[in-house]
Amino acid sequence: MRVKPAVLAVLLLLALLSWLSFRATDPNAEQYDRVFKTLDRFSATESALQRDVLSARAAGLSNALY
């Protein structure tokens, strides 16, 4: 008689895991990847621009001292 609850628990767990895995699939994953890549490129460009501005300011200050 103990086999039935164990089998029922395994089947319930299998059904739960299957449902969760189907819910985890995302048809828009490629679109999200493109958006994240674009944001990464934007962030890198912004950082480079900030670095260039700070370098230009530092060079301008050092030239102004002479």
PDB file of N, CA and C in Angstrom:
ATOM      1  N   MET A   1       0.801  -1.196   0.000  1.00  0.00           N
ATOM      2  CA  MET A   1       0.000   0.000   0.000  1.00  0.00           C
ATOM      3  C   MET A   1       0.850   1.270   0.000  1.00  0.00           C
ATOM      4  N   ARG A   2       2.117   1.171   0.375  1.00  0.00           N
ATOM      5  CA  ARG A   2       2.957   2.366   0.427  1.00  0.00           C
ATOM      6  C   ARG A   2       3.457   2.777  -0.954  1.00  0.00           C
ATOM      7  N   VAL A   3       3.313   1.926  -1.926  1.00  0.00           N
ATOM      8  CA  VAL A   3       3.810   2.243  -3.262  1.00  0.00           C
ATOM      9  C   VAL A   3       2.958   3.342  -3.901  1.00  0.00           C
ATOM     10  N   LYS A   4       1.680   3.335  -3.672  1.00  0.00           N
ATOM     11  CA  LYS A   4       0.790   4.306  -4.312  1.00  0.00           C
ATOM     12  C   LYS A   4       1.111   5.747  -3.918  1.00  0.00           C
ATOM     13  N   PRO A   5       1.317   6.079  -2.639  1.00  0.00           N
ATOM     14  CA  PRO A   5       1.659   7.468  -2.321  1.00  0.00           C
ATOM     15  C   PRO A   5       3.005   7.887  -2.924  1.00  0.00           C
ATOM     16  N   ALA A   6       3.960   6.975  -2.966  1.00  0.00           N
ATOM     17  CA  ALA A   6       5.265   7.303  -3.536  1.00  0.00           C
ATOM     18  C   ALA A   6       5.135   7.567  -5.033  1.00  0.00           C
ATOM     19  N   VAL A   7       4.379   6.733  -5.722  1.00  0.00           N
ATOM     20  CA  VAL A   7       4.184   6.926  -7.163  1.00  0.00           C
ATOM     21  C   VAL A   7       3.427   8.219  -7.417  1.00  0.00           C
ATOM     22  N   LEU A   8       2.425   8.487  -6.600  1.00  0.00           N
ATOM     23  CA  LEU A   8       1.665   9.720  -6.739  1.00  0.00           C
ATOM     24  C   LEU A   8       2.550  10.937  -6.502  1.00  0.00           C
ATOM     25  N   ALA A   9       3.430  10.881  -5.519  1.00  0.00           N
ATOM     26  CA  ALA A   9       4.348  11.994  -5.237  1.00  0.00           C
ATOM     27  C   ALA A   9       5.319  12.209  -6.395  1.00  0.00           C
ATOM     28  N   VAL A  10       5.843  11.139  -6.959  1.00  0.00           N
ATOM     29  CA  VAL A  10       6.770  11.248  -8.092  1.00  0.00           C
ATOM     30  C   VAL A  10       6.058  11.839  -9.300  1.00  0.00           C
ATOM     31  N   LEU A  11       4.843  11.381  -9.566  1.00  0.00           N
ATOM     32  CA  LEU A  11       4.092  11.912 -10.707  1.00  0.00           C
ATOM     33  C   LEU A  11       3.742  13.389 -10.501  1.00  0.00           C
ATOM     34  N   LEU A  12       3.390  13.754  -9.280  1.00  0.00           N
ATOM     35  CA  LEU A  12       3.086  15.145  -8.983  1.00  0.00           C
ATOM     36  C   LEU A  12       4.330  16.020  -9.147  1.00  0.00           C
ATOM     37  N   LEU A  13       5.459  15.526  -8.666  1.00  0.00           N
ATOM     38  CA  LEU A  13       6.716  16.262  -8.816  1.00  0.00           C
ATOM     39  C   LEU A  13       7.101  16.386 -10.284  1.00  0.00           C
ATOM     40  N   LEU A  14       6.948  15.336 -11.045  1.00  0.00           N
ATOM     41  CA  LEU A  14       7.247  15.366 -12.476  1.00  0.00           C
ATOM     42  C   LEU A  14       6.340  16.359 -13.205  1.00  0.00           C
ATOM     43  N   ALA A  15       5.065  16.374 -12.857  1.00  0.00           N
ATOM     44  CA  ALA A  15       4.138  17.320 -13.480  1.00  0.00           C
ATOM     45  C   ALA A  15       4.503  18.752 -13.114  1.00  0.00           C
ATOM     46  N   LEU A  16       4.866  18.989 -11.873  1.00  0.00           N
ATOM     47  CA  LEU A  16       5.250  20.325 -11.439  1.00  0.00           C
ATOM     48  C   LEU A  16       6.506  20.800 -12.169  1.00  0.00           C
ATOM     49  N   LEU A  17       7.512  19.946 -12.247  1.00  0.00           N
ATOM     50  CA  LEU A  17       8.747  20.318 -12.931  1.00  0.00           C
ATOM     51  C   LEU A  17       8.526  20.553 -14.420  1.00  0.00           C
ATOM     52  N   SER A  18       7.671  19.759 -15.035  1.00  0.00           N
ATOM     53  CA  SER A  18       7.355  19.954 -16.454  1.00  0.00           C
ATOM     54  C   SER A  18       6.649  21.286 -16.665  1.00  0.00           C
ATOM     55  N   TRP A  19       5.697  21.599 -15.806  1.00  0.00           N
ATOM     56  CA  TRP A  19       4.972  22.861 -15.916  1.00  0.00           C
ATOM     57  C   TRP A  19       5.917  24.044 -15.736  1.00  0.00           C
ATOM     58  N   LEU A  20       6.807  23.959 -14.768  1.00  0.00           N
ATOM     59  CA  LEU A  20       7.763  25.034 -14.538  1.00  0.00           C
ATOM     60  C   LEU A  20       8.714  25.213 -15.718  1.00  0.00           C
ATOM     61  N   SER A  21       9.146  24.120 -16.322  1.00  0.00           N
ATOM     62  CA  SER A  21      10.065  24.237 -17.456  1.00  0.00           C
ATOM     63  C   SER A  21       9.366  24.834 -18.671  1.00  0.00           C
ATOM     64  N   PHE A  22       8.101  24.511 -18.880  1.00  0.00           N
ATOM     65  CA  PHE A  22       7.369  25.121 -19.992  1.00  0.00           C
ATOM     66  C   PHE A  22       7.129  26.603 -19.745  1.00  0.00           C
ATOM     67  N   ARG A  23       6.912  26.983 -18.508  1.00  0.00           N
ATOM     68  CA  ARG A  23       6.707  28.392 -18.176  1.00  0.00           C
ATOM     69  C   ARG A  23       8.005  29.190 -18.306  1.00  0.00           C
ATOM     70  N   ALA A  24       9.142  28.528 -18.187  1.00  0.00           N
ATOM     71  CA  ALA A  24      10.431  29.216 -18.236  1.00  0.00           C
ATOM     72  C   ALA A  24      10.860  29.550 -19.661  1.00  0.00           C
ATOM     73  N   THR A  25      10.302  28.898 -20.645  1.00  0.00           N
ATOM     74  CA  THR A  25      10.682  29.202 -22.024  1.00  0.00           C
ATOM     75  C   THR A  25      10.134  30.563 -22.405  1.00  0.00           C
ATOM     76  N   ASP A  26      10.924  31.329 -23.129  1.00  0.00           N
ATOM     77  CA  ASP A  26      10.540  32.685 -23.502  1.00  0.00           C
ATOM     78  C   ASP A  26      10.733  32.872 -25.002  1.00  0.00           C
ATOM     79  N   PRO A  27       9.657  33.121 -25.728  1.00  0.00           N
ATOM     80  CA  PRO A  27       9.799  33.295 -27.182  1.00  0.00           C
ATOM     81  C   PRO A  27      10.495  34.598 -27.567  1.00  0.00           C
ATOM     82  N   ASN A  28      10.584  35.538 -26.648  1.00  0.00           N
ATOM     83  CA  ASN A  28      11.205  36.832 -26.950  1.00  0.00           C
ATOM     84  C   ASN A  28      12.651  36.915 -26.470  1.00  0.00           C
ATOM     85  N   ALA A  29      13.274  35.796 -26.197  1.00  0.00           N
ATOM     86  CA  ALA A  29      14.629  35.800 -25.638  1.00  0.00           C
ATOM     87  C   ALA A  29      15.635  36.455 -26.585  1.00  0.00           C
ATOM     88  N   GLU A  30      15.513  36.224 -27.876  1.00  0.00           N
ATOM     89  CA  GLU A  30      16.445  36.831 -28.835  1.00  0.00           C
ATOM     90  C   GLU A  30      16.295  38.350 -28.854  1.00  0.00           C
ATOM     91  N   GLN A  31      15.069  38.823 -28.758  1.00  0.00           N
ATOM     92  CA  GLN A  31      14.833  40.260 -28.737  1.00  0.00           C
ATOM     93  C   GLN A  31      15.447  40.876 -27.480  1.00  0.00           C
ATOM     94  N   TYR A  32      15.310  40.214 -26.348  1.00  0.00           N
ATOM     95  CA  TYR A  32      15.908  40.715 -25.111  1.00  0.00           C
ATOM     96  C   TYR A  32      17.433  40.732 -25.219  1.00  0.00           C
ATOM     97  N   ASP A  33      18.003  39.716 -25.846  1.00  0.00           N
ATOM     98  CA  ASP A  33      19.459  39.683 -26.030  1.00  0.00           C
ATOM     99  C   ASP A  33      19.927  40.865 -26.872  1.00  0.00           C
ATOM    100  N   ARG A  34      19.197  41.175 -27.938  1.00  0.00           N
ATOM    101  CA  ARG A  34      19.565  42.321 -28.774  1.00  0.00           C
ATOM    102  C   ARG A  34      19.474  43.627 -27.987  1.00  0.00           C
ATOM    103  N   VAL A  35      18.438  43.748 -27.186  1.00  0.00           N
ATOM    104  CA  VAL A  35      18.282  44.972 -26.387  1.00  0.00           C
ATOM    105  C   VAL A  35      19.426  45.099 -25.392  1.00  0.00           C
ATOM    106  N   PHE A  36      19.776  43.999 -24.730  1.00  0.00           N
ATOM    107  CA  PHE A  36      20.865  44.048 -23.753  1.00  0.00           C
ATOM    108  C   PHE A  36      22.205  44.342 -24.422  1.00  0.00           C
ATOM    109  N   LYS A  37      22.435  43.808 -25.606  1.00  0.00           N
ATOM    110  CA  LYS A  37      23.670  44.113 -26.333  1.00  0.00           C
ATOM    111  C   LYS A  37      23.722  45.588 -26.712  1.00  0.00           C
ATOM    112  N   THR A  38      22.586  46.132 -27.135  1.00  0.00           N
ATOM    113  CA  THR A  38      22.535  47.551 -27.484  1.00  0.00           C
ATOM    114  C   THR A  38      22.800  48.414 -26.260  1.00  0.00           C
ATOM    115  N   LEU A  39      22.221  48.049 -25.126  1.00  0.00           N
ATOM    116  CA  LEU A  39      22.466  48.796 -23.886  1.00  0.00           C
ATOM    117  C   LEU A  39      23.926  48.699 -23.458  1.00  0.00           C
ATOM    118  N   ASP A  40      24.526  47.533 -23.628  1.00  0.00           N
ATOM    119  CA  ASP A  40      25.943  47.379 -23.297  1.00  0.00           C
ATOM    120  C   ASP A  40      26.817  48.265 -24.186  1.00  0.00           C
ATOM    121  N   ARG A  41      26.499  48.297 -25.489  1.00  0.00           N
ATOM    122  CA  ARG A  41      27.253  49.155 -26.400  1.00  0.00           C
ATOM    123  C   ARG A  41      27.082  50.628 -26.036  1.00  0.00           C
ATOM    124  N   PHE A  42      25.858  51.016 -25.701  1.00  0.00           N
ATOM    125  CA  PHE A  42      25.604  52.392 -25.304  1.00  0.00           C
ATOM    126  C   PHE A  42      26.394  52.751 -24.050  1.00  0.00           C
ATOM    127  N   SER A  43      26.404  51.847 -23.089  1.00  0.00           N
ATOM    128  CA  SER A  43      27.138  52.089 -21.840  1.00  0.00           C
ATOM    129  C   SER A  43      28.640  52.205 -22.103  1.00  0.00           C
ATOM    130  N   ALA A  44      29.175  51.348 -22.958  1.00  0.00           N
ATOM    131  CA  ALA A  44      30.604  51.405 -23.277  1.00  0.00           C
ATOM    132  C   ALA A  44      30.947  52.702 -24.004  1.00  0.00           C
ATOM    133  N   THR A  45      30.082  53.129 -24.911  1.00  0.00           N
ATOM    134  CA  THR A  45      30.308  54.378 -25.633  1.00  0.00           C
ATOM    135  C   THR A  45      30.250  55.564 -24.684  1.00  0.00           C
ATOM    136  N   GLU A  46      29.297  55.539 -23.776  1.00  0.00           N
ATOM    137  CA  GLU A  46      29.181  56.618 -22.803  1.00  0.00           C
ATOM    138  C   GLU A  46      30.411  56.683 -21.898  1.00  0.00           C
ATOM    139  N   SER A  47      30.909  55.534 -21.482  1.00  0.00           N
ATOM    140  CA  SER A  47      32.105  55.497 -20.640  1.00  0.00           C
ATOM    141  C   SER A  47      33.325  56.024 -21.394  1.00  0.00           C
ATOM    142  N   ALA A  48      33.448  55.656 -22.658  1.00  0.00           N
ATOM    143  CA  ALA A  48      34.566  56.145 -23.466  1.00  0.00           C
ATOM    144  C   ALA A  48      34.483  57.653 -23.652  1.00  0.00           C
ATOM    145  N   LEU A  49      33.277  58.157 -23.864  1.00  0.00           N
ATOM    146  CA  LEU A  49      33.099  59.598 -24.012  1.00  0.00           C
ATOM    147  C   LEU A  49      33.467  60.328 -22.724  1.00  0.00           C
ATOM    148  N   GLN A  50      33.043  59.784 -21.600  1.00  0.00           N
ATOM    149  CA  GLN A  50      33.385  60.384 -20.305  1.00  0.00           C
ATOM    150  C   GLN A  50      34.906  60.388 -20.098  1.00  0.00           C
ATOM    151  N   ARG A  51      35.540  59.276 -20.454  1.00  0.00           N
ATOM    152  CA  ARG A  51      36.995  59.188 -20.323  1.00  0.00           C
ATOM    153  C   ARG A  51      37.683  60.225 -21.202  1.00  0.00           C
ATOM    154  N   ASP A  52      37.201  60.383 -22.432  1.00  0.00           N
ATOM    155  CA  ASP A  52      37.794  61.357 -23.353  1.00  0.00           C
ATOM    156  C   ASP A  52      37.606  62.785 -22.856  1.00  0.00           C
ATOM    157  N   VAL A  53      36.443  63.080 -22.302  1.00  0.00           N
ATOM    158  CA  VAL A  53      36.194  64.422 -21.768  1.00  0.00           C
ATOM    159  C   VAL A  53      37.125  64.699 -20.600  1.00  0.00           C
ATOM    160  N   LEU A  54      37.273  63.735 -19.700  1.00  0.00           N
ATOM    161  CA  LEU A  54      38.167  63.928 -18.558  1.00  0.00           C
ATOM    162  C   LEU A  54      39.620  64.060 -19.004  1.00  0.00           C
ATOM    163  N   SER A  55      40.015  63.305 -20.006  1.00  0.00           N
ATOM    164  CA  SER A  55      41.381  63.425 -20.525  1.00  0.00           C
ATOM    165  C   SER A  55      41.606  64.791 -21.155  1.00  0.00           C
ATOM    166  N   ALA A  56      40.625  65.274 -21.886  1.00  0.00           N
ATOM    167  CA  ALA A  56      40.750  66.593 -22.514  1.00  0.00           C
ATOM    168  C   ALA A  56      40.816  67.687 -21.458  1.00  0.00           C
ATOM    169  N   ARG A  57      40.043  67.555 -20.404  1.00  0.00           N
ATOM    170  CA  ARG A  57      40.096  68.540 -19.322  1.00  0.00           C
ATOM    171  C   ARG A  57      41.457  68.519 -18.643  1.00  0.00           C
ATOM    172  N   ALA A  58      41.961  67.323 -18.393  1.00  0.00           N
ATOM    173  CA  ALA A  58      43.272  67.211 -17.736  1.00  0.00           C
ATOM    174  C   ALA A  58      44.366  67.799 -18.626  1.00  0.00           C
ATOM    175  N   ALA A  59      44.295  67.531 -19.914  1.00  0.00           N
ATOM    176  CA  ALA A  59      45.294  68.089 -20.839  1.00  0.00           C
ATOM    177  C   ALA A  59      45.152  69.601 -20.921  1.00  0.00           C
ATOM    178  N   GLY A  60      43.934  70.099 -20.927  1.00  0.00           N
ATOM    179  CA  GLY A  60      43.719  71.537 -20.970  1.00  0.00           C
ATOM    180  C   GLY A  60      44.220  72.212 -19.719  1.00  0.00           C
ATOM    181  N   LEU A  61      44.036  71.579 -18.576  1.00  0.00           N
ATOM    182  CA  LEU A  61      44.529  72.164 -17.324  1.00  0.00           C
ATOM    183  C   LEU A  61      46.036  72.152 -17.282  1.00  0.00           C
ATOM    184  N   SER A  62      46.651  71.084 -17.748  1.00  0.00           N
ATOM    185  CA  SER A  62      48.114  71.036 -17.704  1.00  0.00           C
ATOM    186  C   SER A  62      48.720  72.033 -18.698  1.00  0.00           C
ATOM    187  N   ASN A  63      48.058  72.241 -19.836  1.00  0.00           N
ATOM    188  CA  ASN A  63      48.553  73.236 -20.803  1.00  0.00           C
ATOM    189  C   ASN A  63      48.341  74.652 -20.265  1.00  0.00           C
ATOM    190  N   ALA A  64      47.311  74.885 -19.485  1.00  0.00           N
ATOM    191  CA  ALA A  64      47.032  76.212 -18.949  1.00  0.00           C
ATOM    192  C   ALA A  64      48.040  76.582 -17.867  1.00  0.00           C
ATOM    193  N   LEU A  65      48.640  75.603 -17.226  1.00  0.00           N
ATOM    194  CA  LEU A  65      49.605  75.885 -16.160  1.00  0.00           C
ATOM    195  C   LEU A  65      50.944  76.365 -16.720  1.00  0.00           C
ATOM    196  N   TYR A  66      51.238  76.043 -17.974  1.00  0.00           N
ATOM    197  CA  TYR A  66      52.547  76.429 -18.532  1.00  0.00           C
ATOM    198  C   TYR A  66      52.506  77.753 -19.180  1.00  0.00           C
TER     199      TYR A  66
END
